[in-house]
Amino acid sequence: MSSRLSPDDQKRVDQYLSAPQHQVARQPFKVWRLLLIVLVSVIGLGILSRLLSRLVL
């Protein structure tokens, strides 16, 4: 896909995006941490649900 910008405008956009304030250092994605957070959340909500059902019934 070709750019719709003129070469001069594209050069200015590239300079803007390569500026230090637009560079974000990202940590690697950790699948196991996400899985653990989801698992703990589901188990925690399940336990809370059972506790609330015992209080209501």
N, C-alpha and C. Protein backbone atom coordinates (compact mmCIF):
# COMPACT_ATOMS: atom_id res chain seq x y z
N MET A 1 0.85 -1.18 0.00
CA MET A 1 0.00 0.00 0.00
C MET A 1 0.89 1.23 0.00
N SER A 2 0.74 2.07 -0.96
CA SER A 2 1.56 3.27 -1.05
C SER A 2 0.99 4.37 -0.17
N SER A 3 1.86 5.27 0.24
CA SER A 3 1.46 6.36 1.11
C SER A 3 0.75 7.45 0.31
N ARG A 4 -0.21 8.09 0.90
CA ARG A 4 -0.92 9.18 0.24
C ARG A 4 -0.19 10.51 0.47
N LEU A 5 0.81 10.49 1.35
CA LEU A 5 1.54 11.72 1.66
C LEU A 5 2.59 11.99 0.60
N SER A 6 2.91 13.25 0.48
CA SER A 6 4.02 13.61 -0.40
C SER A 6 5.31 13.16 0.28
N PRO A 7 6.38 12.95 -0.45
CA PRO A 7 7.63 12.51 0.17
C PRO A 7 8.13 13.45 1.26
N ASP A 8 7.89 14.75 1.07
CA ASP A 8 8.32 15.73 2.08
C ASP A 8 7.52 15.56 3.38
N ASP A 9 6.21 15.40 3.23
CA ASP A 9 5.36 15.20 4.41
C ASP A 9 5.68 13.87 5.10
N GLN A 10 5.92 12.83 4.32
CA GLN A 10 6.27 11.53 4.90
C GLN A 10 7.57 11.62 5.69
N LYS A 11 8.50 12.40 5.19
CA LYS A 11 9.77 12.59 5.90
C LYS A 11 9.54 13.26 7.25
N ARG A 12 8.67 14.27 7.28
CA ARG A 12 8.36 14.94 8.55
C ARG A 12 7.64 14.01 9.52
N VAL A 13 6.75 13.18 9.02
CA VAL A 13 6.06 12.21 9.88
C VAL A 13 7.05 11.21 10.45
N ASP A 14 7.97 10.73 9.63
CA ASP A 14 8.98 9.78 10.10
C ASP A 14 9.88 10.41 11.15
N GLN A 15 10.24 11.67 10.96
CA GLN A 15 11.07 12.36 11.96
C GLN A 15 10.30 12.51 13.27
N TYR A 16 9.04 12.85 13.17
CA TYR A 16 8.20 13.02 14.37
C TYR A 16 8.10 11.71 15.14
N LEU A 17 7.85 10.61 14.45
CA LEU A 17 7.68 9.32 15.11
C LEU A 17 8.99 8.76 15.65
N SER A 18 10.11 9.18 15.10
CA SER A 18 11.39 8.66 15.58
C SER A 18 11.96 9.50 16.72
N ALA A 19 11.25 10.54 17.13
CA ALA A 19 11.70 11.37 18.26
C ALA A 19 11.69 10.54 19.54
N PRO A 20 12.59 10.84 20.47
CA PRO A 20 12.70 10.02 21.70
C PRO A 20 11.42 9.97 22.54
N GLN A 21 10.65 11.06 22.56
CA GLN A 21 9.44 11.05 23.39
C GLN A 21 8.36 10.15 22.82
N HIS A 22 8.52 9.67 21.59
CA HIS A 22 7.53 8.78 20.99
C HIS A 22 8.00 7.33 20.96
N GLN A 23 9.13 7.06 21.55
CA GLN A 23 9.65 5.69 21.62
C GLN A 23 9.35 5.14 23.01
N VAL A 24 8.60 4.08 23.09
CA VAL A 24 8.22 3.48 24.36
C VAL A 24 8.91 2.12 24.47
N ALA A 25 9.69 1.98 25.52
CA ALA A 25 10.34 0.69 25.76
C ALA A 25 9.32 -0.25 26.40
N ARG A 26 9.03 -1.33 25.74
CA ARG A 26 8.02 -2.26 26.25
C ARG A 26 8.69 -3.53 26.75
N GLN A 27 8.13 -4.05 27.82
CA GLN A 27 8.62 -5.32 28.34
C GLN A 27 8.02 -6.44 27.51
N PRO A 28 8.69 -7.59 27.48
CA PRO A 28 8.11 -8.72 26.72
C PRO A 28 6.79 -9.18 27.34
N PHE A 29 5.90 -9.64 26.48
CA PHE A 29 4.60 -10.11 26.92
C PHE A 29 4.75 -11.43 27.66
N LYS A 30 4.14 -11.54 28.82
CA LYS A 30 4.25 -12.74 29.65
C LYS A 30 2.90 -13.45 29.70
N VAL A 31 2.82 -14.53 28.93
CA VAL A 31 1.56 -15.27 28.82
C VAL A 31 1.19 -15.91 30.15
N TRP A 32 2.17 -16.47 30.83
CA TRP A 32 1.88 -17.20 32.07
C TRP A 32 1.37 -16.26 33.15
N ARG A 33 1.85 -15.03 33.18
CA ARG A 33 1.36 -14.07 34.18
C ARG A 33 -0.11 -13.75 33.90
N LEU A 34 -0.44 -13.52 32.64
CA LEU A 34 -1.82 -13.24 32.26
C LEU A 34 -2.73 -14.41 32.60
N LEU A 35 -2.27 -15.63 32.31
CA LEU A 35 -3.06 -16.82 32.62
C LEU A 35 -3.29 -16.95 34.12
N LEU A 36 -2.26 -16.67 34.90
CA LEU A 36 -2.38 -16.74 36.36
C LEU A 36 -3.38 -15.70 36.88
N ILE A 37 -3.32 -14.49 36.34
CA ILE A 37 -4.24 -13.44 36.77
C ILE A 37 -5.68 -13.82 36.44
N VAL A 38 -5.90 -14.34 35.25
CA VAL A 38 -7.26 -14.75 34.85
C VAL A 38 -7.74 -15.90 35.73
N LEU A 39 -6.88 -16.87 35.97
CA LEU A 39 -7.25 -18.02 36.80
C LEU A 39 -7.59 -17.60 38.23
N VAL A 40 -6.77 -16.76 38.82
CA VAL A 40 -7.03 -16.28 40.19
C VAL A 40 -8.33 -15.49 40.23
N SER A 41 -8.57 -14.67 39.20
CA SER A 41 -9.81 -13.89 39.16
C SER A 41 -11.03 -14.78 39.07
N VAL A 42 -10.99 -15.79 38.23
CA VAL A 42 -12.14 -16.68 38.06
C VAL A 42 -12.39 -17.48 39.33
N ILE A 43 -11.33 -18.01 39.93
CA ILE A 43 -11.48 -18.78 41.17
C ILE A 43 -11.99 -17.88 42.29
N GLY A 44 -11.43 -16.66 42.39
CA GLY A 44 -11.87 -15.72 43.43
C GLY A 44 -13.33 -15.35 43.28
N LEU A 45 -13.76 -15.06 42.06
CA LEU A 45 -15.17 -14.73 41.85
C LEU A 45 -16.08 -15.93 42.09
N GLY A 46 -15.60 -17.12 41.79
CA GLY A 46 -16.38 -18.32 42.07
C GLY A 46 -16.57 -18.53 43.56
N ILE A 47 -15.51 -18.33 44.32
CA ILE A 47 -15.60 -18.48 45.79
C ILE A 47 -16.53 -17.40 46.35
N LEU A 48 -16.39 -16.17 45.87
CA LEU A 48 -17.27 -15.10 46.32
C LEU A 48 -18.73 -15.40 45.99
N SER A 49 -18.97 -15.96 44.83
CA SER A 49 -20.32 -16.31 44.43
C SER A 49 -20.91 -17.37 45.35
N ARG A 50 -20.11 -18.39 45.70
CA ARG A 50 -20.60 -19.43 46.60
C ARG A 50 -20.88 -18.88 47.99
N LEU A 51 -20.01 -18.00 48.47
CA LEU A 51 -20.23 -17.39 49.80
C LEU A 51 -21.50 -16.55 49.80
N LEU A 52 -21.72 -15.78 48.77
CA LEU A 52 -22.93 -14.97 48.70
C LEU A 52 -24.19 -15.82 48.58
N SER A 53 -24.10 -16.92 47.86
CA SER A 53 -25.27 -17.78 47.74
C SER A 53 -25.61 -18.43 49.07
N ARG A 54 -24.63 -18.75 49.88
CA ARG A 54 -24.91 -19.32 51.22
C ARG A 54 -25.55 -18.28 52.13
N LEU A 55 -25.16 -17.01 51.98
CA LEU A 55 -25.75 -15.97 52.82
C LEU A 55 -27.20 -15.71 52.44
N VAL A 56 -27.50 -15.80 51.16
CA VAL A 56 -28.86 -15.49 50.69
C VAL A 56 -29.79 -16.66 50.96
N LEU A 57 -29.32 -17.88 50.73
CA LEU A 57 -30.19 -19.03 50.92
C LEU A 57 -30.14 -19.41 52.35
